N, C-alpha and C. Protein backbone atom coordinates (compact mmCIF):
# COMPACT_ATOMS: atom_id res chain seq x y z
N MET A 1 89.59 44.64 127.46
CA MET A 1 90.35 45.55 128.30
C MET A 1 91.57 46.04 127.53
N SER A 2 91.89 47.28 127.69
CA SER A 2 93.04 47.88 127.03
C SER A 2 94.35 47.37 127.63
N GLU A 3 95.42 47.52 126.87
CA GLU A 3 96.74 47.13 127.35
C GLU A 3 97.14 47.99 128.55
N ARG A 4 98.03 47.46 129.35
CA ARG A 4 98.54 48.19 130.51
C ARG A 4 99.41 49.35 130.01
N ILE A 5 99.22 50.51 130.60
CA ILE A 5 99.98 51.70 130.24
C ILE A 5 100.90 52.02 131.42
N VAL A 6 102.14 51.56 131.35
CA VAL A 6 103.06 51.78 132.47
C VAL A 6 103.40 53.26 132.56
N MET A 7 103.95 53.82 131.51
CA MET A 7 104.20 55.25 131.46
C MET A 7 104.48 55.66 130.02
N ARG A 8 103.81 56.70 129.60
CA ARG A 8 104.01 57.27 128.27
C ARG A 8 104.36 58.75 128.45
N ILE A 9 105.19 59.26 127.56
CA ILE A 9 105.65 60.64 127.64
C ILE A 9 105.35 61.35 126.33
N GLY A 10 104.89 62.58 126.41
CA GLY A 10 104.62 63.36 125.21
C GLY A 10 104.78 64.85 125.47
N GLU A 11 104.89 65.58 124.38
CA GLU A 11 105.00 67.04 124.48
C GLU A 11 104.37 67.65 123.24
N ALA A 12 104.06 68.94 123.35
CA ALA A 12 103.51 69.65 122.20
C ALA A 12 103.81 71.14 122.37
N LEU A 13 103.83 71.83 121.27
CA LEU A 13 103.94 73.29 121.28
C LEU A 13 102.84 73.83 120.39
N VAL A 14 102.03 74.70 120.96
CA VAL A 14 101.01 75.41 120.18
C VAL A 14 101.26 76.89 120.41
N ALA A 15 101.58 77.59 119.35
CA ALA A 15 101.86 79.02 119.42
C ALA A 15 101.07 79.72 118.32
N GLY A 16 101.40 80.98 118.09
CA GLY A 16 100.77 81.71 116.99
C GLY A 16 99.57 82.51 117.39
N GLY A 17 99.22 82.50 118.68
CA GLY A 17 98.09 83.28 119.15
C GLY A 17 98.53 84.66 119.62
N PRO A 18 97.66 85.34 120.32
CA PRO A 18 98.01 86.66 120.87
C PRO A 18 99.20 86.56 121.83
N LEU A 19 99.75 87.70 122.17
CA LEU A 19 100.91 87.81 123.06
C LEU A 19 100.74 86.96 124.33
N ASN A 20 101.77 86.18 124.65
CA ASN A 20 101.87 85.40 125.89
C ASN A 20 100.88 84.24 126.00
N THR A 21 100.37 83.75 124.89
CA THR A 21 99.39 82.67 124.97
C THR A 21 99.92 81.31 124.51
N ALA A 22 101.16 81.23 124.08
CA ALA A 22 101.72 79.95 123.63
C ALA A 22 101.71 78.93 124.76
N ALA A 23 101.58 77.67 124.38
CA ALA A 23 101.56 76.59 125.37
C ALA A 23 102.54 75.51 124.94
N GLU A 24 103.27 74.95 125.91
CA GLU A 24 104.23 73.89 125.62
C GLU A 24 104.19 72.87 126.76
N PRO A 25 103.10 72.10 126.85
CA PRO A 25 103.02 71.11 127.92
C PRO A 25 103.85 69.87 127.63
N GLU A 26 104.34 69.29 128.69
CA GLU A 26 104.99 67.98 128.64
C GLU A 26 104.19 67.09 129.57
N VAL A 27 103.83 65.90 129.11
CA VAL A 27 102.96 65.04 129.89
C VAL A 27 103.60 63.67 130.14
N ALA A 28 103.27 63.11 131.28
CA ALA A 28 103.58 61.73 131.62
C ALA A 28 102.26 61.09 132.00
N ILE A 29 101.97 59.93 131.42
CA ILE A 29 100.70 59.24 131.64
C ILE A 29 101.00 57.79 132.00
N GLY A 30 100.32 57.29 133.00
CA GLY A 30 100.52 55.89 133.34
C GLY A 30 99.54 55.39 134.39
N GLU A 31 99.59 54.09 134.60
CA GLU A 31 98.74 53.43 135.60
C GLU A 31 99.13 53.91 136.99
N MET A 32 98.14 54.20 137.80
CA MET A 32 98.41 54.73 139.14
C MET A 32 98.92 53.66 140.10
N ASP A 33 98.85 52.38 139.73
CA ASP A 33 99.39 51.34 140.61
C ASP A 33 100.82 50.96 140.24
N GLY A 34 101.50 51.86 139.53
CA GLY A 34 102.89 51.64 139.13
C GLY A 34 103.71 52.88 139.40
N PRO A 35 104.77 53.08 138.62
CA PRO A 35 105.65 54.22 138.85
C PRO A 35 104.94 55.57 138.72
N MET A 36 103.91 55.64 137.88
CA MET A 36 103.18 56.91 137.75
C MET A 36 102.49 57.27 139.06
N GLY A 37 101.91 56.30 139.71
CA GLY A 37 101.25 56.57 140.99
C GLY A 37 102.22 57.08 142.03
N VAL A 38 103.41 56.50 142.06
CA VAL A 38 104.44 56.95 143.00
C VAL A 38 104.84 58.39 142.67
N ALA A 39 105.09 58.66 141.39
CA ALA A 39 105.48 60.02 140.98
C ALA A 39 104.36 61.01 141.29
N PHE A 40 103.14 60.64 141.01
CA PHE A 40 101.99 61.51 141.23
C PHE A 40 101.87 61.86 142.71
N ALA A 41 101.91 60.84 143.57
CA ALA A 41 101.78 61.06 145.01
C ALA A 41 102.94 61.90 145.54
N ASN A 42 104.15 61.62 145.08
CA ASN A 42 105.30 62.41 145.53
C ASN A 42 105.19 63.86 145.11
N GLN A 43 104.77 64.11 143.89
CA GLN A 43 104.60 65.49 143.44
C GLN A 43 103.53 66.21 144.25
N LEU A 44 102.42 65.55 144.47
CA LEU A 44 101.31 66.16 145.20
C LEU A 44 101.69 66.45 146.65
N ALA A 45 102.44 65.55 147.26
CA ALA A 45 102.80 65.69 148.68
C ALA A 45 103.99 66.61 148.90
N ASN A 46 104.83 66.78 147.91
CA ASN A 46 106.05 67.58 148.07
C ASN A 46 105.90 68.95 147.42
N GLN A 47 105.05 69.77 148.00
CA GLN A 47 104.87 71.12 147.50
C GLN A 47 106.10 71.96 147.81
N SER A 48 106.41 72.90 146.93
CA SER A 48 107.54 73.80 147.18
C SER A 48 107.15 75.21 146.76
N GLN A 49 107.66 76.18 147.50
CA GLN A 49 107.32 77.57 147.24
C GLN A 49 107.68 77.94 145.80
N GLY A 50 106.73 78.53 145.10
CA GLY A 50 106.95 78.96 143.73
C GLY A 50 106.70 77.88 142.68
N HIS A 51 106.50 76.64 143.14
CA HIS A 51 106.25 75.53 142.21
C HIS A 51 105.12 74.66 142.76
N SER A 52 103.99 75.28 143.02
CA SER A 52 102.84 74.53 143.53
C SER A 52 102.38 73.52 142.50
N LYS A 53 101.91 72.41 143.01
CA LYS A 53 101.33 71.38 142.15
C LYS A 53 99.85 71.31 142.49
N VAL A 54 99.01 71.42 141.47
CA VAL A 54 97.57 71.43 141.68
C VAL A 54 96.89 70.47 140.72
N LEU A 55 95.76 69.95 141.13
CA LEU A 55 94.97 69.08 140.26
C LEU A 55 94.30 69.92 139.19
N ALA A 56 94.19 69.36 138.01
CA ALA A 56 93.43 70.00 136.94
C ALA A 56 91.96 69.81 137.26
N ILE A 57 91.23 70.91 137.30
CA ILE A 57 89.81 70.86 137.65
C ILE A 57 88.99 71.63 136.62
N MET A 58 87.75 71.21 136.49
CA MET A 58 86.82 71.89 135.60
C MET A 58 86.32 73.18 136.24
N ASN A 59 86.14 73.10 137.54
CA ASN A 59 85.72 74.22 138.38
C ASN A 59 86.01 73.76 139.80
N THR A 60 85.91 74.63 140.74
CA THR A 60 86.17 74.20 142.10
C THR A 60 85.28 73.01 142.43
N ASP A 61 85.88 71.98 142.97
CA ASP A 61 85.18 70.78 143.41
C ASP A 61 84.78 69.84 142.27
N ILE A 62 85.34 70.04 141.06
CA ILE A 62 85.05 69.13 139.95
C ILE A 62 86.37 68.74 139.29
N GLN A 63 86.95 67.65 139.78
CA GLN A 63 88.23 67.14 139.29
C GLN A 63 88.04 66.39 137.98
N VAL A 64 88.98 66.55 137.08
CA VAL A 64 88.94 65.85 135.80
C VAL A 64 89.41 64.41 135.97
N ARG A 65 89.02 63.53 135.06
CA ARG A 65 89.49 62.15 134.99
C ARG A 65 90.10 61.92 133.63
N PRO A 66 91.24 61.24 133.54
CA PRO A 66 92.07 60.73 134.60
C PRO A 66 92.56 61.87 135.51
N ALA A 67 92.85 61.51 136.77
CA ALA A 67 93.41 62.50 137.69
C ALA A 67 94.63 63.11 137.04
N THR A 68 94.68 64.44 137.04
CA THR A 68 95.74 65.17 136.34
C THR A 68 96.35 66.20 137.27
N LEU A 69 97.67 66.15 137.40
CA LEU A 69 98.41 67.06 138.26
C LEU A 69 99.18 68.04 137.39
N MET A 70 99.01 69.32 137.67
CA MET A 70 99.71 70.38 136.94
C MET A 70 100.93 70.83 137.76
N VAL A 71 102.06 70.97 137.09
CA VAL A 71 103.29 71.45 137.72
C VAL A 71 103.82 72.59 136.85
N SER A 72 104.08 73.73 137.46
CA SER A 72 104.58 74.88 136.70
C SER A 72 106.07 74.73 136.39
N LYS A 73 106.45 75.00 135.13
CA LYS A 73 107.86 75.04 134.75
C LYS A 73 108.50 76.36 135.17
N VAL A 74 107.66 77.36 135.44
CA VAL A 74 108.12 78.70 135.79
C VAL A 74 107.98 78.88 137.29
N THR A 75 108.96 79.51 137.93
CA THR A 75 108.84 79.82 139.35
C THR A 75 107.79 80.92 139.50
N VAL A 76 106.74 80.62 140.23
CA VAL A 76 105.62 81.53 140.41
C VAL A 76 105.97 82.51 141.54
N LYS A 77 105.95 83.79 141.20
CA LYS A 77 106.30 84.84 142.18
C LYS A 77 105.18 85.85 142.38
N GLU A 78 104.23 85.89 141.47
CA GLU A 78 103.21 86.94 141.51
C GLU A 78 101.81 86.36 141.56
N THR A 79 100.95 87.01 142.33
CA THR A 79 99.56 86.57 142.45
C THR A 79 98.86 86.58 141.10
N ALA A 80 99.15 87.56 140.27
CA ALA A 80 98.49 87.64 138.95
C ALA A 80 98.82 86.39 138.12
N TYR A 81 100.05 85.94 138.19
CA TYR A 81 100.44 84.73 137.46
C TYR A 81 99.70 83.53 138.03
N THR A 82 99.67 83.42 139.35
CA THR A 82 98.97 82.31 140.00
C THR A 82 97.51 82.27 139.60
N ASN A 83 96.88 83.44 139.52
CA ASN A 83 95.46 83.50 139.17
C ASN A 83 95.20 82.99 137.75
N VAL A 84 96.11 83.28 136.83
CA VAL A 84 95.96 82.79 135.46
C VAL A 84 96.26 81.29 135.41
N PHE A 85 97.34 80.88 136.09
CA PHE A 85 97.73 79.47 136.12
C PHE A 85 96.64 78.60 136.74
N MET A 86 96.10 79.05 137.88
CA MET A 86 95.10 78.27 138.61
C MET A 86 93.69 78.70 138.26
N GLY A 87 93.52 79.24 137.10
CA GLY A 87 92.21 79.64 136.61
C GLY A 87 92.08 79.24 135.16
N THR A 88 92.43 80.15 134.29
CA THR A 88 92.30 79.92 132.85
C THR A 88 93.04 78.66 132.40
N VAL A 89 94.31 78.53 132.79
CA VAL A 89 95.12 77.41 132.31
C VAL A 89 94.69 76.11 132.98
N GLN A 90 94.34 76.16 134.24
CA GLN A 90 93.88 74.96 134.94
C GLN A 90 92.62 74.39 134.27
N GLY A 91 91.68 75.26 133.95
CA GLY A 91 90.48 74.83 133.26
C GLY A 91 90.77 74.33 131.85
N ALA A 92 91.72 74.97 131.17
CA ALA A 92 92.08 74.56 129.82
C ALA A 92 92.69 73.17 129.81
N ILE A 93 93.56 72.90 130.76
CA ILE A 93 94.19 71.59 130.82
C ILE A 93 93.16 70.52 131.14
N ALA A 94 92.26 70.80 132.07
CA ALA A 94 91.19 69.83 132.39
C ALA A 94 90.37 69.53 131.15
N ASN A 95 90.01 70.55 130.40
CA ASN A 95 89.23 70.33 129.17
C ASN A 95 90.05 69.60 128.11
N GLY A 96 91.33 69.88 128.02
CA GLY A 96 92.20 69.17 127.08
C GLY A 96 92.29 67.69 127.39
N VAL A 97 92.32 67.35 128.68
CA VAL A 97 92.33 65.94 129.09
C VAL A 97 91.02 65.27 128.66
N LEU A 98 89.91 65.91 128.91
CA LEU A 98 88.61 65.33 128.50
C LEU A 98 88.50 65.22 126.98
N ASP A 99 89.05 66.19 126.27
CA ASP A 99 89.07 66.10 124.81
C ASP A 99 89.86 64.87 124.35
N ALA A 100 90.96 64.58 125.05
CA ALA A 100 91.77 63.41 124.71
C ALA A 100 91.00 62.11 124.94
N VAL A 101 90.18 62.08 125.98
CA VAL A 101 89.34 60.91 126.22
C VAL A 101 88.27 60.82 125.12
N ARG A 102 87.63 61.94 124.84
CA ARG A 102 86.58 61.97 123.81
C ARG A 102 87.12 61.53 122.45
N GLU A 103 88.35 61.93 122.11
CA GLU A 103 88.96 61.57 120.84
C GLU A 103 89.47 60.14 120.81
N GLY A 104 89.49 59.48 121.96
CA GLY A 104 89.94 58.09 122.02
C GLY A 104 91.43 57.92 122.25
N TYR A 105 92.14 59.01 122.49
CA TYR A 105 93.59 58.90 122.77
C TYR A 105 93.83 58.23 124.11
N ILE A 106 92.93 58.47 125.06
CA ILE A 106 92.94 57.80 126.35
C ILE A 106 91.72 56.90 126.38
N PRO A 107 91.92 55.60 126.60
CA PRO A 107 90.76 54.70 126.64
C PRO A 107 89.82 55.07 127.80
N LYS A 108 88.55 55.25 127.49
CA LYS A 108 87.56 55.65 128.48
C LYS A 108 87.51 54.68 129.66
N GLU A 109 87.69 53.38 129.37
CA GLU A 109 87.62 52.38 130.44
C GLU A 109 88.82 52.44 131.39
N LYS A 110 89.83 53.26 131.05
CA LYS A 110 91.05 53.36 131.87
C LYS A 110 91.11 54.64 132.70
N VAL A 111 90.14 55.54 132.57
CA VAL A 111 90.27 56.87 133.18
C VAL A 111 90.43 56.84 134.70
N ASN A 112 89.89 55.83 135.37
CA ASN A 112 90.03 55.76 136.82
C ASN A 112 91.31 55.04 137.25
N ASP A 113 92.03 54.47 136.30
CA ASP A 113 93.27 53.75 136.60
C ASP A 113 94.52 54.55 136.27
N LEU A 114 94.38 55.60 135.46
CA LEU A 114 95.51 56.37 134.98
C LEU A 114 95.70 57.67 135.75
N GLY A 115 96.91 58.15 135.74
CA GLY A 115 97.24 59.47 136.24
C GLY A 115 98.04 60.20 135.19
N ILE A 116 97.92 61.51 135.19
CA ILE A 116 98.66 62.35 134.24
C ILE A 116 99.36 63.45 135.03
N ILE A 117 100.62 63.67 134.71
CA ILE A 117 101.33 64.83 135.23
C ILE A 117 101.63 65.72 134.03
N VAL A 118 101.22 66.98 134.13
CA VAL A 118 101.45 67.94 133.05
C VAL A 118 102.41 69.01 133.56
N SER A 119 103.55 69.08 132.94
CA SER A 119 104.50 70.16 133.22
C SER A 119 104.09 71.32 132.32
N VAL A 120 103.70 72.41 132.94
CA VAL A 120 103.05 73.52 132.23
C VAL A 120 104.01 74.68 132.05
N TRP A 121 104.15 75.13 130.80
CA TRP A 121 104.85 76.38 130.56
C TRP A 121 103.81 77.45 130.25
N LEU A 122 103.75 78.44 131.13
CA LEU A 122 102.90 79.61 130.95
C LEU A 122 103.82 80.81 130.97
N ASN A 123 103.78 81.61 129.93
CA ASN A 123 104.68 82.75 129.81
C ASN A 123 104.56 83.66 131.03
N PRO A 124 105.68 83.98 131.68
CA PRO A 124 105.64 84.86 132.85
C PRO A 124 105.08 86.25 132.53
N GLY A 125 105.07 86.62 131.26
CA GLY A 125 104.52 87.92 130.87
C GLY A 125 103.05 88.09 131.17
N VAL A 126 102.33 86.98 131.40
CA VAL A 126 100.90 87.10 131.69
C VAL A 126 100.65 87.87 132.99
N ALA A 127 101.62 87.84 133.91
CA ALA A 127 101.44 88.48 135.21
C ALA A 127 101.20 89.99 135.09
N GLY A 128 101.85 90.64 134.15
CA GLY A 128 101.69 92.08 134.03
C GLY A 128 100.87 92.52 132.84
N GLN A 129 100.29 91.58 132.13
CA GLN A 129 99.56 91.93 130.90
C GLN A 129 98.11 92.27 131.21
N LYS A 130 97.75 93.51 130.98
CA LYS A 130 96.38 93.99 131.29
C LYS A 130 95.35 93.51 130.27
N ASP A 131 95.76 93.32 129.02
CA ASP A 131 94.82 92.95 127.96
C ASP A 131 94.97 91.48 127.54
N LEU A 132 95.33 90.64 128.49
CA LEU A 132 95.51 89.21 128.20
C LEU A 132 94.23 88.63 127.61
N ASP A 133 94.35 87.92 126.51
CA ASP A 133 93.21 87.28 125.86
C ASP A 133 93.00 85.91 126.50
N HIS A 134 92.16 85.87 127.53
CA HIS A 134 91.93 84.63 128.27
C HIS A 134 91.28 83.55 127.42
N LYS A 135 90.41 83.94 126.50
CA LYS A 135 89.77 82.95 125.63
C LYS A 135 90.81 82.27 124.74
N ALA A 136 91.69 83.06 124.13
CA ALA A 136 92.74 82.48 123.29
C ALA A 136 93.70 81.64 124.13
N LEU A 137 94.08 82.14 125.31
CA LEU A 137 94.97 81.39 126.20
C LEU A 137 94.35 80.04 126.56
N PHE A 138 93.07 80.04 126.89
CA PHE A 138 92.35 78.81 127.23
C PHE A 138 92.38 77.83 126.06
N GLU A 139 92.00 78.28 124.89
CA GLU A 139 91.91 77.40 123.72
C GLU A 139 93.28 76.84 123.32
N ILE A 140 94.32 77.65 123.40
CA ILE A 140 95.66 77.19 123.02
C ILE A 140 96.17 76.15 124.01
N HIS A 141 96.00 76.38 125.31
CA HIS A 141 96.45 75.40 126.31
C HIS A 141 95.62 74.12 126.25
N ARG A 142 94.35 74.27 125.95
CA ARG A 142 93.48 73.10 125.79
C ARG A 142 93.96 72.24 124.62
N LYS A 143 94.18 72.88 123.48
CA LYS A 143 94.62 72.18 122.28
C LYS A 143 95.99 71.53 122.50
N ALA A 144 96.91 72.26 123.13
CA ALA A 144 98.27 71.75 123.35
C ALA A 144 98.24 70.54 124.30
N THR A 145 97.39 70.58 125.31
CA THR A 145 97.28 69.45 126.24
C THR A 145 96.78 68.21 125.51
N THR A 146 95.74 68.37 124.72
CA THR A 146 95.20 67.24 123.96
C THR A 146 96.25 66.68 123.00
N LEU A 147 96.97 67.56 122.33
CA LEU A 147 97.99 67.13 121.38
C LEU A 147 99.14 66.40 122.08
N ALA A 148 99.59 66.91 123.22
CA ALA A 148 100.67 66.24 123.97
C ALA A 148 100.23 64.85 124.41
N ILE A 149 98.98 64.71 124.84
CA ILE A 149 98.45 63.40 125.25
C ILE A 149 98.37 62.47 124.05
N LYS A 150 97.88 62.98 122.92
CA LYS A 150 97.80 62.16 121.70
C LYS A 150 99.19 61.64 121.34
N LYS A 151 100.18 62.52 121.36
CA LYS A 151 101.54 62.12 121.00
C LYS A 151 102.09 61.09 121.99
N ALA A 152 101.80 61.29 123.27
CA ALA A 152 102.26 60.33 124.29
C ALA A 152 101.64 58.96 124.06
N MET A 153 100.35 58.93 123.86
CA MET A 153 99.63 57.66 123.76
C MET A 153 99.91 56.93 122.44
N SER A 154 100.35 57.66 121.42
CA SER A 154 100.65 57.01 120.14
C SER A 154 102.16 56.93 119.88
N ASN A 155 102.95 57.22 120.92
CA ASN A 155 104.41 57.15 120.82
C ASN A 155 104.95 57.96 119.64
N GLU A 156 104.48 59.20 119.54
CA GLU A 156 104.93 60.11 118.48
C GLU A 156 105.95 61.09 119.04
N PRO A 157 106.94 61.42 118.26
CA PRO A 157 107.25 60.86 116.95
C PRO A 157 107.89 59.49 117.08
N SER A 158 107.72 58.69 116.06
CA SER A 158 108.30 57.35 116.09
C SER A 158 109.82 57.44 115.90
N ILE A 159 110.51 56.42 116.32
CA ILE A 159 111.96 56.40 116.15
C ILE A 159 112.33 56.40 114.67
N ASP A 160 111.55 55.72 113.83
CA ASP A 160 111.84 55.72 112.40
C ASP A 160 111.74 57.13 111.83
N TRP A 161 110.68 57.88 112.21
CA TRP A 161 110.53 59.25 111.73
C TRP A 161 111.69 60.11 112.21
N LEU A 162 112.08 59.97 113.49
CA LEU A 162 113.19 60.76 114.03
C LEU A 162 114.49 60.48 113.29
N LEU A 163 114.78 59.21 113.06
CA LEU A 163 116.01 58.87 112.35
C LEU A 163 116.00 59.40 110.92
N GLU A 164 114.85 59.31 110.27
CA GLU A 164 114.73 59.78 108.89
C GLU A 164 114.85 61.30 108.79
N ASN A 165 114.39 62.01 109.80
CA ASN A 165 114.33 63.47 109.73
C ASN A 165 115.38 64.18 110.59
N GLN A 166 116.25 63.44 111.23
CA GLN A 166 117.22 64.02 112.17
C GLN A 166 118.00 65.19 111.58
N ASP A 167 118.50 65.06 110.37
CA ASP A 167 119.33 66.10 109.78
C ASP A 167 118.52 67.26 109.19
N LYS A 168 117.20 67.12 109.17
CA LYS A 168 116.35 68.18 108.64
C LYS A 168 115.81 69.09 109.73
N ILE A 169 116.02 68.72 110.99
CA ILE A 169 115.42 69.44 112.10
C ILE A 169 116.50 70.21 112.86
N THR A 170 116.27 71.50 113.02
CA THR A 170 117.16 72.34 113.82
C THR A 170 116.31 72.97 114.93
N HIS A 171 116.77 72.85 116.16
CA HIS A 171 116.04 73.44 117.29
C HIS A 171 115.89 74.94 117.06
N LYS A 172 114.69 75.44 117.25
CA LYS A 172 114.36 76.83 116.99
C LYS A 172 115.32 77.81 117.67
N TYR A 173 115.61 77.60 118.94
CA TYR A 173 116.44 78.56 119.66
C TYR A 173 117.92 78.41 119.31
N TYR A 174 118.33 77.23 118.93
CA TYR A 174 119.70 77.04 118.43
C TYR A 174 119.85 77.85 117.14
N GLN A 175 118.86 77.72 116.25
CA GLN A 175 118.92 78.45 114.99
C GLN A 175 118.89 79.96 115.23
N MET A 176 118.08 80.41 116.18
CA MET A 176 118.04 81.84 116.49
C MET A 176 119.41 82.31 116.99
N GLY A 177 120.11 81.47 117.77
CA GLY A 177 121.45 81.79 118.23
C GLY A 177 122.42 81.89 117.06
N LEU A 178 122.30 80.95 116.13
CA LEU A 178 123.17 80.98 114.94
C LEU A 178 122.91 82.25 114.13
N ASP A 179 121.65 82.67 114.11
CA ASP A 179 121.29 83.87 113.34
C ASP A 179 121.55 85.17 114.10
N GLY A 180 122.05 85.05 115.35
CA GLY A 180 122.34 86.24 116.16
C GLY A 180 121.11 86.92 116.73
N LYS A 181 120.01 86.18 116.84
CA LYS A 181 118.76 86.77 117.33
C LYS A 181 118.54 86.54 118.82
N ILE A 182 119.43 85.75 119.44
CA ILE A 182 119.32 85.61 120.89
C ILE A 182 120.70 85.70 121.50
């Protein structure tokens, strides 16, 4: 039996695709009989306008395992955004979770005991974009979800790596501010 997973946290950024397809999920993973279960149930039960929480599904009536709850980082105001969030991105996240199981980042024997909350960043520009590349959007969100889970489950980056590289890393938007680009 695998070790108990109380709660693990991870994030990833996958960009470089067509306009508005970047993904930056943040994930929390843990045993549903602990703090993760409480957080999961509270998120699911406490819906709020513009920040719906939905299960990641493969298709209607096919929930992914481990149970995965998606929460939007962006206030949802438009039906077009909702359709992309609860369609292309929902399916991508579900597939990313299964990819993480297939790759061994999530122990297969634990899938019914764990819960995942994914805080999803989907560019608000998708709402008005007529030529949105849904295939690229799907693949990028799928890859980013798997990567965030991998990082969470392997405690990446390690504290040693962070301490060693602290002075070499500048936050992208801080640097853009220094360069006068924002």
